[in-house]
């Protein structure tokens, strides 16, 4: 059986430190493109690892799509949307998990 092999367009998302980023209701988006380099399809799922940084209380983070299939030799763009509920620093890891056990980590950061 062939194993999927993918690459990501970035490994780090920085939502900045400007003054507007500290206000309640601040929203920002970023995008990660995942490219399937294999000759077989690759199923993926986005996992957001929260280590107590305030996810769901101080801020919200959504990934669209959060799971799906990447056709062979093609790409999918995952849109990340950050919404601030209150001023805080954010440091967390987003994991793009590929069926078969591969995991790609993208670090998300925002300073107040």
Protein backbone atom coordinates (compact mmCIF):
# COMPACT_ATOMS: atom_id res chain seq x y z
CA UNK A 1 0.00 0.00 0.00
CA UNK A 2 1.27 3.47 -0.89
CA UNK A 3 1.68 5.96 1.93
CA UNK A 4 0.66 9.62 1.62
CA UNK A 5 3.40 12.25 1.74
CA UNK A 6 2.47 15.91 2.12
CA UNK A 7 4.13 19.27 2.65
CA UNK A 8 2.79 22.42 4.29
CA UNK A 9 3.25 25.98 3.05
CA UNK A 10 4.23 27.24 6.51
CA UNK A 11 5.09 26.06 9.99
CA UNK A 12 4.37 29.29 11.86
CA UNK A 13 1.41 31.70 11.99
CA UNK A 14 1.95 35.03 13.76
CA UNK A 15 -1.19 37.11 14.24
CA UNK A 16 0.83 40.13 15.26
CA UNK A 17 1.19 42.61 18.04
CA UNK A 18 -0.43 45.81 16.79
CA UNK A 19 -2.84 47.82 18.98
CA UNK A 20 -5.99 46.62 17.22
CA UNK A 21 -5.01 43.05 18.03
CA UNK A 22 -5.60 43.74 21.74
CA UNK A 23 -9.23 44.80 21.35
CA UNK A 24 -12.16 42.54 22.09
CA UNK A 25 -13.70 41.39 18.83
CA UNK A 26 -10.40 41.52 16.90
CA UNK A 27 -10.41 38.96 14.09
CA UNK A 28 -7.61 37.79 11.85
CA UNK A 29 -7.18 35.04 9.30
CA UNK A 30 -4.26 33.07 7.96
CA UNK A 31 -3.98 30.17 5.58
CA UNK A 32 -1.89 27.01 5.36
CA UNK A 33 -1.73 25.12 2.08
CA UNK A 34 -1.20 21.37 2.35
CA UNK A 35 0.15 19.72 -0.80
CA UNK A 36 -0.10 15.99 -1.41
CA UNK A 37 3.11 14.91 -3.13
CA UNK A 38 2.17 11.23 -3.30
CA UNK A 39 0.43 9.25 -6.01
CA UNK A 40 -2.39 8.29 -3.64
CA UNK A 41 -5.04 10.36 -1.88
CA UNK A 42 -4.36 11.68 1.63
CA UNK A 43 -7.02 12.10 4.30
CA UNK A 44 -6.32 14.85 6.82
CA UNK A 45 -7.74 16.24 10.04
CA UNK A 46 -6.87 19.48 11.86
CA UNK A 47 -6.30 19.15 15.61
CA UNK A 48 -5.88 22.22 17.80
CA UNK A 49 -3.73 21.43 20.82
CA UNK A 50 -4.63 23.66 23.75
CA UNK A 51 -2.20 23.67 26.67
CA UNK A 52 -4.34 25.93 28.84
CA UNK A 53 -3.77 29.06 26.76
CA UNK A 54 -7.40 30.19 26.97
CA UNK A 55 -8.90 28.60 23.86
CA UNK A 56 -12.69 28.93 24.03
CA UNK A 57 -12.51 31.54 26.81
CA UNK A 58 -10.02 34.26 25.81
CA UNK A 59 -10.10 33.50 22.08
CA UNK A 60 -11.64 31.24 19.46
CA UNK A 61 -9.81 29.52 16.63
CA UNK A 62 -11.56 27.86 13.71
CA UNK A 63 -10.09 25.83 10.84
CA UNK A 64 -11.99 25.43 7.56
CA UNK A 65 -11.96 22.75 6.34
CA UNK A 66 -11.11 20.87 9.54
CA UNK A 67 -10.90 17.52 7.74
CA UNK A 68 -11.06 16.12 4.26
CA UNK A 69 -9.23 14.35 1.48
CA UNK A 70 -6.46 15.73 -0.71
CA UNK A 71 -6.38 14.17 -4.15
CA UNK A 72 -3.06 12.82 -5.40
CA UNK A 73 -0.66 15.49 -6.64
CA UNK A 74 -2.96 18.34 -5.54
CA UNK A 75 -3.39 20.82 -2.68
CA UNK A 76 -5.95 22.08 -0.19
CA UNK A 77 -5.91 25.43 1.61
CA UNK A 78 -6.93 25.48 5.26
CA UNK A 79 -8.20 28.85 6.48
CA UNK A 80 -7.59 29.68 10.15
CA UNK A 81 -9.73 32.37 11.78
CA UNK A 82 -8.77 33.86 15.14
CA UNK A 83 -11.38 35.80 17.17
CA UNK A 84 -10.37 37.56 20.37
CA UNK A 85 -12.75 37.48 23.34
CA UNK A 86 -10.33 39.38 25.61
CA UNK A 87 -6.71 40.55 25.39
CA UNK A 88 -4.23 37.72 25.92
CA UNK A 89 -1.05 36.14 24.62
CA UNK A 90 -1.53 33.04 22.52
CA UNK A 91 0.91 30.25 21.90
CA UNK A 92 -0.45 26.95 20.72
CA UNK A 93 0.19 24.20 18.22
CA UNK A 94 -2.11 23.25 15.37
CA UNK A 95 -1.59 19.68 14.18
CA UNK A 96 -2.45 18.60 10.66
CA UNK A 97 -2.79 14.85 11.01
CA UNK A 98 -2.53 12.69 7.90
CA UNK A 99 -4.13 9.25 7.85
CA UNK A 100 -1.43 6.68 8.41
CA UNK A 101 0.20 8.51 11.33
CA UNK A 102 2.01 11.49 9.81
CA UNK A 103 1.63 14.76 11.75
CA UNK A 104 2.64 18.26 10.73
CA UNK A 105 2.86 20.98 13.38
CA UNK A 106 2.06 24.64 12.82
CA UNK A 107 2.80 27.02 15.70
CA UNK A 108 0.32 29.85 16.21
CA UNK A 109 1.41 32.97 18.08
CA UNK A 110 -0.12 36.30 19.06
CA UNK A 111 1.33 38.71 21.58
CA UNK A 112 -0.49 41.45 23.48
